[in-house]
Full PDB file with SEQRES, HELIX, SHEET, SSBOND, CRYST1, ORIGX, SCALE, CONECT and MASTER records, all heavy atoms in Angstrom:
SEQRES   1 A   37  SER ILE VAL GLY ILE ASN ASN MET GLY TRP TYR ARG GLN          
SEQRES   2 A   37  ALA PRO GLY LYS GLN ARG GLU LEU VAL ALA THR ILE THR          
SEQRES   3 A   37  SER GLY GLY THR THR ASN TYR ALA ASP SER VAL                  
SHEET    1 AA1 3 MET A   8  ARG A  12  0                                        
SHEET    2 AA1 3 GLU A  20  ILE A  25 -1                                        
SHEET    3 AA1 3 THR A  31  TYR A  33 -1                                        
CRYST1    1.000    1.000    1.000  90.00  90.00  90.00 P 1           1          
ORIGX1      1.000000  0.000000  0.000000        0.00000                         
ORIGX2      0.000000  1.000000  0.000000        0.00000                         
ORIGX3      0.000000  0.000000  1.000000        0.00000                         
SCALE1      1.000000  0.000000  0.000000        0.00000                         
SCALE2      0.000000  1.000000  0.000000        0.00000                         
SCALE3      0.000000  0.000000  1.000000        0.00000                         
ATOM      1  N   SER A   1       0.841  -1.192   0.000  1.00  0.00           N  
ATOM      2  CA  SER A   1       0.000   0.000   0.000  1.00  0.00           C  
ATOM      3  C   SER A   1       0.875   1.240   0.000  1.00  0.00           C  
ATOM      4  O   SER A   1       1.023   1.922   1.017  1.00  0.00           O  
ATOM      5  CB  SER A   1      -0.938  -0.015   1.207  1.00  0.00           C  
ATOM      6  OG  SER A   1      -1.768  -1.161   1.206  1.00  0.00           O  
ATOM      7  N   ILE A   2       1.447   1.540  -1.146  1.00  0.00           N  
ATOM      8  CA  ILE A   2       2.446   2.600  -1.232  1.00  0.00           C  
ATOM      9  C   ILE A   2       1.864   3.955  -1.578  1.00  0.00           C  
ATOM     10  O   ILE A   2       2.595   4.952  -1.553  1.00  0.00           O  
ATOM     11  CB  ILE A   2       3.540   2.243  -2.248  1.00  0.00           C  
ATOM     12  CG1 ILE A   2       2.928   2.025  -3.637  1.00  0.00           C  
ATOM     13  CG2 ILE A   2       4.311   1.013  -1.782  1.00  0.00           C  
ATOM     14  CD1 ILE A   2       3.955   1.779  -4.718  1.00  0.00           C  
ATOM     15  N   VAL A   3       0.589   4.016  -1.907  1.00  0.00           N  
ATOM     16  CA  VAL A   3      -0.021   5.308  -2.177  1.00  0.00           C  
ATOM     17  C   VAL A   3       0.039   6.154  -0.914  1.00  0.00           C  
ATOM     18  O   VAL A   3      -0.325   5.701   0.170  1.00  0.00           O  
ATOM     19  CB  VAL A   3      -1.471   5.151  -2.651  1.00  0.00           C  
ATOM     20  CG1 VAL A   3      -2.136   6.519  -2.800  1.00  0.00           C  
ATOM     21  CG2 VAL A   3      -1.539   4.389  -3.962  1.00  0.00           C  
ATOM     22  N   GLY A   4       0.513   7.372  -1.059  1.00  0.00           N  
ATOM     23  CA  GLY A   4       0.640   8.267   0.075  1.00  0.00           C  
ATOM     24  C   GLY A   4       2.012   8.282   0.707  1.00  0.00           C  
ATOM     25  O   GLY A   4       2.265   9.098   1.600  1.00  0.00           O  
ATOM     26  N   ILE A   5       2.918   7.405   0.266  1.00  0.00           N  
ATOM     27  CA  ILE A   5       4.296   7.440   0.747  1.00  0.00           C  
ATOM     28  C   ILE A   5       4.974   8.677   0.177  1.00  0.00           C  
ATOM     29  O   ILE A   5       5.011   8.871  -1.033  1.00  0.00           O  
ATOM     30  CB  ILE A   5       5.064   6.173   0.345  1.00  0.00           C  
ATOM     31  CG1 ILE A   5       4.474   4.951   1.041  1.00  0.00           C  
ATOM     32  CG2 ILE A   5       6.538   6.326   0.678  1.00  0.00           C  
ATOM     33  CD1 ILE A   5       4.627   4.970   2.543  1.00  0.00           C  
ATOM     34  N   ASN A   6       5.516   9.485   1.050  1.00  0.00           N  
ATOM     35  CA  ASN A   6       6.126  10.744   0.632  1.00  0.00           C  
ATOM     36  C   ASN A   6       7.641  10.726   0.779  1.00  0.00           C  
ATOM     37  O   ASN A   6       8.371  10.706  -0.211  1.00  0.00           O  
ATOM     38  CB  ASN A   6       5.536  11.903   1.430  1.00  0.00           C  
ATOM     39  CG  ASN A   6       4.070  12.128   1.158  1.00  0.00           C  
ATOM     40  OD1 ASN A   6       3.627  12.063   0.011  1.00  0.00           O  
ATOM     41  ND2 ASN A   6       3.305  12.401   2.203  1.00  0.00           N  
ATOM     42  N   ASN A   7       8.106  10.716   2.010  1.00  0.00           N  
ATOM     43  CA  ASN A   7       9.530  10.786   2.272  1.00  0.00           C  
ATOM     44  C   ASN A   7      10.125   9.396   2.446  1.00  0.00           C  
ATOM     45  O   ASN A   7       9.483   8.490   2.972  1.00  0.00           O  
ATOM     46  CB  ASN A   7       9.802  11.608   3.527  1.00  0.00           C  
ATOM     47  CG  ASN A   7       9.129  12.964   3.470  1.00  0.00           C  
ATOM     48  OD1 ASN A   7       9.195  13.653   2.454  1.00  0.00           O  
ATOM     49  ND2 ASN A   7       8.486  13.358   4.562  1.00  0.00           N  
ATOM     50  N   MET A   8      11.358   9.247   2.024  1.00  0.00           N  
ATOM     51  CA  MET A   8      12.089   8.006   2.223  1.00  0.00           C  
ATOM     52  C   MET A   8      13.498   8.345   2.694  1.00  0.00           C  
ATOM     53  O   MET A   8      13.962   9.473   2.518  1.00  0.00           O  
ATOM     54  CB  MET A   8      12.139   7.167   0.951  1.00  0.00           C  
ATOM     55  CG  MET A   8      10.767   6.747   0.440  1.00  0.00           C  
ATOM     56  SD  MET A   8      10.819   5.609  -0.973  1.00  0.00           S  
ATOM     57  CE  MET A   8      11.331   4.092  -0.145  1.00  0.00           C  
ATOM     58  N   GLY A   9      14.148   7.370   3.297  1.00  0.00           N  
ATOM     59  CA  GLY A   9      15.483   7.647   3.781  1.00  0.00           C  
ATOM     60  C   GLY A   9      16.191   6.419   4.289  1.00  0.00           C  
ATOM     61  O   GLY A   9      15.682   5.296   4.199  1.00  0.00           O  
ATOM     62  N   TRP A  10      17.384   6.658   4.806  1.00  0.00           N  
ATOM     63  CA  TRP A  10      18.217   5.611   5.356  1.00  0.00           C  
ATOM     64  C   TRP A  10      18.650   5.969   6.765  1.00  0.00           C  
ATOM     65  O   TRP A  10      19.040   7.116   7.035  1.00  0.00           O  
ATOM     66  CB  TRP A  10      19.460   5.390   4.483  1.00  0.00           C  
ATOM     67  CG  TRP A  10      19.151   4.832   3.138  1.00  0.00           C  
ATOM     68  CD1 TRP A  10      18.930   5.521   1.983  1.00  0.00           C  
ATOM     69  CD2 TRP A  10      19.024   3.447   2.810  1.00  0.00           C  
ATOM     70  NE1 TRP A  10      18.675   4.655   0.954  1.00  0.00           N  
ATOM     71  CE2 TRP A  10      18.722   3.371   1.432  1.00  0.00           C  
ATOM     72  CE3 TRP A  10      19.137   2.268   3.548  1.00  0.00           C  
ATOM     73  CZ2 TRP A  10      18.540   2.152   0.776  1.00  0.00           C  
ATOM     74  CZ3 TRP A  10      18.949   1.062   2.893  1.00  0.00           C  
ATOM     75  CH2 TRP A  10      18.657   1.020   1.529  1.00  0.00           C  
ATOM     76  N   TYR A  11      18.578   4.993   7.644  1.00  0.00           N  
ATOM     77  CA  TYR A  11      19.066   5.098   9.006  1.00  0.00           C  
ATOM     78  C   TYR A  11      20.024   3.942   9.253  1.00  0.00           C  
ATOM     79  O   TYR A  11      20.028   2.958   8.514  1.00  0.00           O  
ATOM     80  CB  TYR A  11      17.919   5.051  10.013  1.00  0.00           C  
ATOM     81  CG  TYR A  11      17.003   6.262   9.956  1.00  0.00           C  
ATOM     82  CD1 TYR A  11      16.158   6.471   8.870  1.00  0.00           C  
ATOM     83  CD2 TYR A  11      16.984   7.191  10.989  1.00  0.00           C  
ATOM     84  CE1 TYR A  11      15.322   7.578   8.808  1.00  0.00           C  
ATOM     85  CE2 TYR A  11      16.153   8.295  10.944  1.00  0.00           C  
ATOM     86  CZ  TYR A  11      15.323   8.479   9.854  1.00  0.00           C  
ATOM     87  OH  TYR A  11      14.498   9.582   9.812  1.00  0.00           O  
ATOM     88  N   ARG A  12      20.839   4.052  10.283  1.00  0.00           N  
ATOM     89  CA  ARG A  12      21.749   2.963  10.596  1.00  0.00           C  
ATOM     90  C   ARG A  12      21.864   2.789  12.103  1.00  0.00           C  
ATOM     91  O   ARG A  12      21.647   3.722  12.872  1.00  0.00           O  
ATOM     92  CB  ARG A  12      23.134   3.196   9.981  1.00  0.00           C  
ATOM     93  CG  ARG A  12      23.895   4.380  10.559  1.00  0.00           C  
ATOM     94  CD  ARG A  12      25.170   4.638   9.757  1.00  0.00           C  
ATOM     95  NE  ARG A  12      25.943   5.738  10.309  1.00  0.00           N  
ATOM     96  CZ  ARG A  12      27.021   6.246   9.724  1.00  0.00           C  
ATOM     97  NH1 ARG A  12      27.457   5.744   8.567  1.00  0.00           N  
ATOM     98  NH2 ARG A  12      27.673   7.253  10.293  1.00  0.00           N  
ATOM     99  N   GLN A  13      22.222   1.575  12.496  1.00  0.00           N  
ATOM    100  CA  GLN A  13      22.379   1.261  13.899  1.00  0.00           C  
ATOM    101  C   GLN A  13      23.574   0.335  14.077  1.00  0.00           C  
ATOM    102  O   GLN A  13      23.597  -0.771  13.539  1.00  0.00           O  
ATOM    103  CB  GLN A  13      21.123   0.606  14.469  1.00  0.00           C  
ATOM    104  CG  GLN A  13      21.159   0.400  15.970  1.00  0.00           C  
ATOM    105  CD  GLN A  13      19.804   0.037  16.540  1.00  0.00           C  
ATOM    106  OE1 GLN A  13      18.947  -0.496  15.836  1.00  0.00           O  
ATOM    107  NE2 GLN A  13      19.594   0.325  17.811  1.00  0.00           N  
ATOM    108  N   ALA A  14      24.557   0.812  14.812  1.00  0.00           N  
ATOM    109  CA  ALA A  14      25.725   0.018  15.148  1.00  0.00           C  
ATOM    110  C   ALA A  14      25.486  -0.690  16.479  1.00  0.00           C  
ATOM    111  O   ALA A  14      24.653  -0.251  17.279  1.00  0.00           O  
ATOM    112  CB  ALA A  14      26.963   0.906  15.234  1.00  0.00           C  
ATOM    113  N   PRO A  15      26.204  -1.780  16.749  1.00  0.00           N  
ATOM    114  CA  PRO A  15      26.029  -2.490  18.015  1.00  0.00           C  
ATOM    115  C   PRO A  15      26.220  -1.566  19.215  1.00  0.00           C  
ATOM    116  O   PRO A  15      27.206  -0.834  19.294  1.00  0.00           O  
ATOM    117  CB  PRO A  15      27.107  -3.570  17.970  1.00  0.00           C  
ATOM    118  CG  PRO A  15      27.322  -3.812  16.517  1.00  0.00           C  
ATOM    119  CD  PRO A  15      27.175  -2.462  15.867  1.00  0.00           C  
ATOM    120  N   GLY A  16      25.272  -1.590  20.129  1.00  0.00           N  
ATOM    121  CA  GLY A  16      25.346  -0.767  21.318  1.00  0.00           C  
ATOM    122  C   GLY A  16      25.004   0.691  21.109  1.00  0.00           C  
ATOM    123  O   GLY A  16      25.105   1.480  22.059  1.00  0.00           O  
ATOM    124  N   LYS A  17      24.611   1.059  19.912  1.00  0.00           N  
ATOM    125  CA  LYS A  17      24.289   2.440  19.597  1.00  0.00           C  
ATOM    126  C   LYS A  17      22.812   2.580  19.238  1.00  0.00           C  
ATOM    127  O   LYS A  17      22.144   1.614  18.891  1.00  0.00           O  
ATOM    128  CB  LYS A  17      25.137   2.949  18.431  1.00  0.00           C  
ATOM    129  CG  LYS A  17      26.636   2.851  18.644  1.00  0.00           C  
ATOM    130  CD  LYS A  17      27.114   3.829  19.692  1.00  0.00           C  
ATOM    131  CE  LYS A  17      28.628   3.808  19.790  1.00  0.00           C  
ATOM    132  NZ  LYS A  17      29.125   4.788  20.790  1.00  0.00           N  
ATOM    133  N   GLN A  18      22.316   3.801  19.331  1.00  0.00           N  
ATOM    134  CA  GLN A  18      20.957   4.092  18.906  1.00  0.00           C  
ATOM    135  C   GLN A  18      20.900   4.220  17.388  1.00  0.00           C  
ATOM    136  O   GLN A  18      21.895   4.535  16.739  1.00  0.00           O  
ATOM    137  CB  GLN A  18      20.448   5.376  19.552  1.00  0.00           C  
ATOM    138  CG  GLN A  18      20.243   5.295  21.057  1.00  0.00           C  
ATOM    139  CD  GLN A  18      19.635   6.560  21.610  1.00  0.00           C  
ATOM    140  OE1 GLN A  18      20.024   7.667  21.230  1.00  0.00           O  
ATOM    141  NE2 GLN A  18      18.671   6.411  22.503  1.00  0.00           N  
ATOM    142  N   ARG A  19      19.716   3.979  16.848  1.00  0.00           N  
ATOM    143  CA  ARG A  19      19.530   4.177  15.427  1.00  0.00           C  
ATOM    144  C   ARG A  19      19.650   5.663  15.103  1.00  0.00           C  
ATOM    145  O   ARG A  19      19.079   6.512  15.797  1.00  0.00           O  
ATOM    146  CB  ARG A  19      18.168   3.648  14.995  1.00  0.00           C  
ATOM    147  CG  ARG A  19      17.931   3.670  13.498  1.00  0.00           C  
ATOM    148  CD  ARG A  19      16.599   3.019  13.135  1.00  0.00           C  
ATOM    149  NE  ARG A  19      16.552   1.622  13.544  1.00  0.00           N  
ATOM    150  CZ  ARG A  19      15.554   0.804  13.257  1.00  0.00           C  
ATOM    151  NH1 ARG A  19      14.516   1.232  12.552  1.00  0.00           N  
ATOM    152  NH2 ARG A  19      15.580  -0.458  13.664  1.00  0.00           N  
ATOM    153  N   GLU A  20      20.394   5.984  14.058  1.00  0.00           N  
ATOM    154  CA  GLU A  20      20.628   7.371  13.700  1.00  0.00           C  
ATOM    155  C   GLU A  20      20.304   7.616  12.235  1.00  0.00           C  
ATOM    156  O   GLU A  20      20.413   6.725  11.394  1.00  0.00           O  
ATOM    157  CB  GLU A  20      22.077   7.774  13.978  1.00  0.00           C  
ATOM    158  CG  GLU A  20      23.101   7.036  13.137  1.00  0.00           C  
ATOM    159  CD  GLU A  20      24.523   7.523  13.358  1.00  0.00           C  
ATOM    160  OE1 GLU A  20      24.700   8.531  14.077  1.00  0.00           O  
ATOM    161  OE2 GLU A  20      25.460   6.900  12.816  1.00  0.00           O  
ATOM    162  N   LEU A  21      19.935   8.837  11.950  1.00  0.00           N  
ATOM    163  CA  LEU A  21      19.642   9.246  10.587  1.00  0.00           C  
ATOM    164  C   LEU A  21      20.917   9.291   9.768  1.00  0.00           C  
ATOM    165  O   LEU A  21      21.949   9.785  10.232  1.00  0.00           O  
ATOM    166  CB  LEU A  21      18.955  10.613  10.581  1.00  0.00           C  
ATOM    167  CG  LEU A  21      18.555  11.208   9.228  1.00  0.00           C  
ATOM    168  CD1 LEU A  21      17.288  12.040   9.386  1.00  0.00           C  
ATOM    169  CD2 LEU A  21      19.671  12.081   8.662  1.00  0.00           C  
ATOM    170  N   VAL A  22      20.842   8.784   8.547  1.00  0.00           N  
ATOM    171  CA  VAL A  22      21.936   8.889   7.595  1.00  0.00           C  
ATOM    172  C   VAL A  22      21.597   9.911   6.517  1.00  0.00           C  
ATOM    173  O   VAL A  22      22.345  10.859   6.282  1.00  0.00           O  
ATOM    174  CB  VAL A  22      22.270   7.533   6.956  1.00  0.00           C  
ATOM    175  CG1 VAL A  22      23.375   7.685   5.919  1.00  0.00           C  
ATOM    176  CG2 VAL A  22      22.671   6.524   8.022  1.00  0.00           C  
ATOM    177  N   ALA A  23      20.469   9.712   5.851  1.00  0.00           N  
ATOM    178  CA  ALA A  23      20.051  10.611   4.787  1.00  0.00           C  
ATOM    179  C   ALA A  23      18.572  10.438   4.532  1.00  0.00           C  
ATOM    180  O   ALA A  23      18.026   9.345   4.700  1.00  0.00           O  
ATOM    181  CB  ALA A  23      20.838  10.353   3.498  1.00  0.00           C  
ATOM    182  N   THR A  24      17.920  11.509   4.121  1.00  0.00           N  
ATOM    183  CA  THR A  24      16.512  11.458   3.748  1.00  0.00           C  
ATOM    184  C   THR A  24      16.311  12.189   2.435  1.00  0.00           C  
ATOM    185  O   THR A  24      17.118  13.040   2.047  1.00  0.00           O  
ATOM    186  CB  THR A  24      15.603  12.093   4.815  1.00  0.00           C  
ATOM    187  OG1 THR A  24      15.957  13.462   5.003  1.00  0.00           O  
ATOM    188  CG2 THR A  24      15.712  11.345   6.137  1.00  0.00           C  
ATOM    189  N   ILE A  25      15.212  11.856   1.770  1.00  0.00           N  
ATOM    190  CA  ILE A  25      14.868  12.516   0.518  1.00  0.00           C  
ATOM    191  C   ILE A  25      13.357  12.587   0.410  1.00  0.00           C  
ATOM    192  O   ILE A  25      12.648  11.623   0.690  1.00  0.00           O  
ATOM    193  CB  ILE A  25      15.495  11.786  -0.691  1.00  0.00           C  
ATOM    194  CG1 ILE A  25      15.228  12.554  -1.985  1.00  0.00           C  
ATOM    195  CG2 ILE A  25      15.002  10.346  -0.779  1.00  0.00           C  
ATOM    196  CD1 ILE A  25      16.047  12.045  -3.167  1.00  0.00           C  
ATOM    197  N   THR A  26      12.855  13.747   0.023  1.00  0.00           N  
ATOM    198  CA  THR A  26      11.426  13.914  -0.165  1.00  0.00           C  
ATOM    199  C   THR A  26      11.029  13.435  -1.549  1.00  0.00           C  
ATOM    200  O   THR A  26      11.871  13.153  -2.408  1.00  0.00           O  
ATOM    201  CB  THR A  26      11.012  15.385  -0.002  1.00  0.00           C  
ATOM    202  OG1 THR A  26      11.531  16.152  -1.098  1.00  0.00           O  
ATOM    203  CG2 THR A  26      11.532  15.958   1.308  1.00  0.00           C  
ATOM    204  N   SER A  27       9.728  13.351  -1.774  1.00  0.00           N  
ATOM    205  CA  SER A  27       9.244  12.947  -3.086  1.00  0.00           C  
ATOM    206  C   SER A  27       9.656  13.942  -4.163  1.00  0.00           C  
ATOM    207  O   SER A  27       9.762  13.577  -5.334  1.00  0.00           O  
ATOM    208  CB  SER A  27       7.725  12.797  -3.070  1.00  0.00           C  
ATOM    209  OG  SER A  27       7.083  14.018  -2.713  1.00  0.00           O  
ATOM    210  N   GLY A  28       9.901  15.188  -3.762  1.00  0.00           N  
ATOM    211  CA  GLY A  28      10.335  16.211  -4.692  1.00  0.00           C  
ATOM    212  C   GLY A  28      11.831  16.277  -4.904  1.00  0.00           C  
ATOM    213  O   GLY A  28      12.295  17.062  -5.731  1.00  0.00           O  
ATOM    214  N   GLY A  29      12.592  15.477  -4.155  1.00  0.00           N  
ATOM    215  CA  GLY A  29      14.029  15.414  -4.355  1.00  0.00           C  
ATOM    216  C   GLY A  29      14.867  16.209  -3.379  1.00  0.00           C  
ATOM    217  O   GLY A  29      16.097  16.262  -3.530  1.00  0.00           O  
ATOM    218  N   THR A  30      14.266  16.829  -2.385  1.00  0.00           N  
ATOM    219  CA  THR A  30      15.027  17.555  -1.377  1.00  0.00           C  
ATOM    220  C   THR A  30      15.722  16.572  -0.447  1.00  0.00           C  
ATOM    221  O   THR A  30      15.095  15.649   0.071  1.00  0.00           O  
ATOM    222  CB  THR A  30      14.115  18.482  -0.567  1.00  0.00           C  
ATOM    223  OG1 THR A  30      13.485  19.417  -1.440  1.00  0.00           O  
ATOM    224  CG2 THR A  30      14.915  19.250   0.477  1.00  0.00           C  
ATOM    225  N   THR A  31      17.020  16.763  -0.231  1.00  0.00           N  
ATOM    226  CA  THR A  31      17.818  15.814   0.545  1.00  0.00           C  
ATOM    227  C   THR A  31      18.325  16.416   1.840  1.00  0.00           C  
ATOM    228  O   THR A  31      18.459  17.632   1.980  1.00  0.00           O  
ATOM    229  CB  THR A  31      19.012  15.315  -0.274  1.00  0.00           C  
ATOM    230  OG1 THR A  31      19.834  16.430  -0.653  1.00  0.00           O  
ATOM    231  CG2 THR A  31      18.541  14.593  -1.527  1.00  0.00           C  
ATOM    232  N   ASN A  32      18.632  15.525   2.780  1.00  0.00           N  
ATOM    233  CA  ASN A  32      19.201  15.901   4.061  1.00  0.00           C  
ATOM    234  C   ASN A  32      20.177  14.808   4.466  1.00  0.00           C  
ATOM    235  O   ASN A  32      19.870  13.623   4.325  1.00  0.00           O  
ATOM    236  CB  ASN A  32      18.108  16.064   5.112  1.00  0.00           C  
ATOM    237  CG  ASN A  32      18.655  16.464   6.466  1.00  0.00           C  
ATOM    238  OD1 ASN A  32      19.437  17.405   6.568  1.00  0.00           O  
ATOM    239  ND2 ASN A  32      18.237  15.755   7.508  1.00  0.00           N  
ATOM    240  N   TYR A  33      21.351  15.195   4.986  1.00  0.00           N  
ATOM    241  CA  TYR A  33      22.395  14.242   5.338  1.00  0.00           C  
ATOM    242  C   TYR A  33      22.903  14.483   6.743  1.00  0.00           C  
ATOM    243  O   TYR A  33      22.973  15.623   7.216  1.00  0.00           O  
ATOM    244  CB  TYR A  33      23.586  14.345   4.388  1.00  0.00           C  
ATOM    245  CG  TYR A  33      23.293  14.011   2.951  1.00  0.00           C  
ATOM    246  CD1 TYR A  33      22.940  15.002   2.050  1.00  0.00           C  
ATOM    247  CD2 TYR A  33      23.377  12.698   2.497  1.00  0.00           C  
ATOM    248  CE1 TYR A  33      22.673  14.704   0.728  1.00  0.00           C  
ATOM    249  CE2 TYR A  33      23.116  12.392   1.174  1.00  0.00           C  
ATOM    250  CZ  TYR A  33      22.763  13.394   0.296  1.00  0.00           C  
ATOM    251  OH  TYR A  33      22.505  13.085  -1.021  1.00  0.00           O  
ATOM    252  N   ALA A  34      23.291  13.397   7.392  1.00  0.00           N  
ATOM    253  CA  ALA A  34      24.026  13.520   8.633  1.00  0.00           C  
ATOM    254  C   ALA A  34      25.392  14.130   8.346  1.00  0.00           C  
ATOM    255  O   ALA A  34      25.985  13.889   7.291  1.00  0.00           O  
ATOM    256  CB  ALA A  34      24.194  12.154   9.296  1.00  0.00           C  
ATOM    257  N   ASP A  35      25.897  14.915   9.293  1.00  0.00           N  
ATOM    258  CA  ASP A  35      27.188  15.563   9.088  1.00  0.00           C  
ATOM    259  C   ASP A  35      28.304  14.555   8.815  1.00  0.00           C  
ATOM    260  O   ASP A  35      29.230  14.833   8.047  1.00  0.00           O  
ATOM    261  CB  ASP A  35      27.556  16.410  10.304  1.00  0.00           C  
ATOM    262  CG  ASP A  35      26.704  17.656  10.431  1.00  0.00           C  
ATOM    263  OD1 ASP A  35      26.106  18.083   9.419  1.00  0.00           O  
ATOM    264  OD2 ASP A  35      26.645  18.211  11.540  1.00  0.00           O  
ATOM    265  N   SER A  36      28.220  13.388   9.417  1.00  0.00           N  
ATOM    266  CA  SER A  36      29.276  12.402   9.302  1.00  0.00           C  
ATOM    267  C   SER A  36      29.398  11.795   7.903  1.00  0.00           C  
ATOM    268  O   SER A  36      30.426  11.191   7.587  1.00  0.00           O  
ATOM    269  CB  SER A  36      29.064  11.276  10.322  1.00  0.00           C  
ATOM    270  OG  SER A  36      27.819  10.632  10.114  1.00  0.00           O  
ATOM    271  N   VAL A  37      28.372  11.944   7.070  1.00  0.00           N  
ATOM    272  CA  VAL A  37      28.404  11.330   5.747  1.00  0.00           C  
ATOM    273  C   VAL A  37      28.369  12.348   4.623  1.00  0.00           C  
ATOM    274  O   VAL A  37      28.476  11.962   3.444  1.00  0.00           O  
ATOM    275  CB  VAL A  37      27.249  10.326   5.560  1.00  0.00           C  
ATOM    276  CG1 VAL A  37      27.253   9.299   6.683  1.00  0.00           C  
ATOM    277  CG2 VAL A  37      25.902  11.040   5.482  1.00  0.00           C  
TER     278      VAL A  37                                                      
MASTER        0    0    0    0    3    0    0    6  277    1    0    3          
END                                                                             
């Protein structure tokens, strides 16, 4: 049921660490990145 899906992105989780944002992208192509990447 993918109708209505807008934003997509990538997160990562290392052992013993919290899940963190890596990068996101809107349906229009606007991007956001973690400083580390």
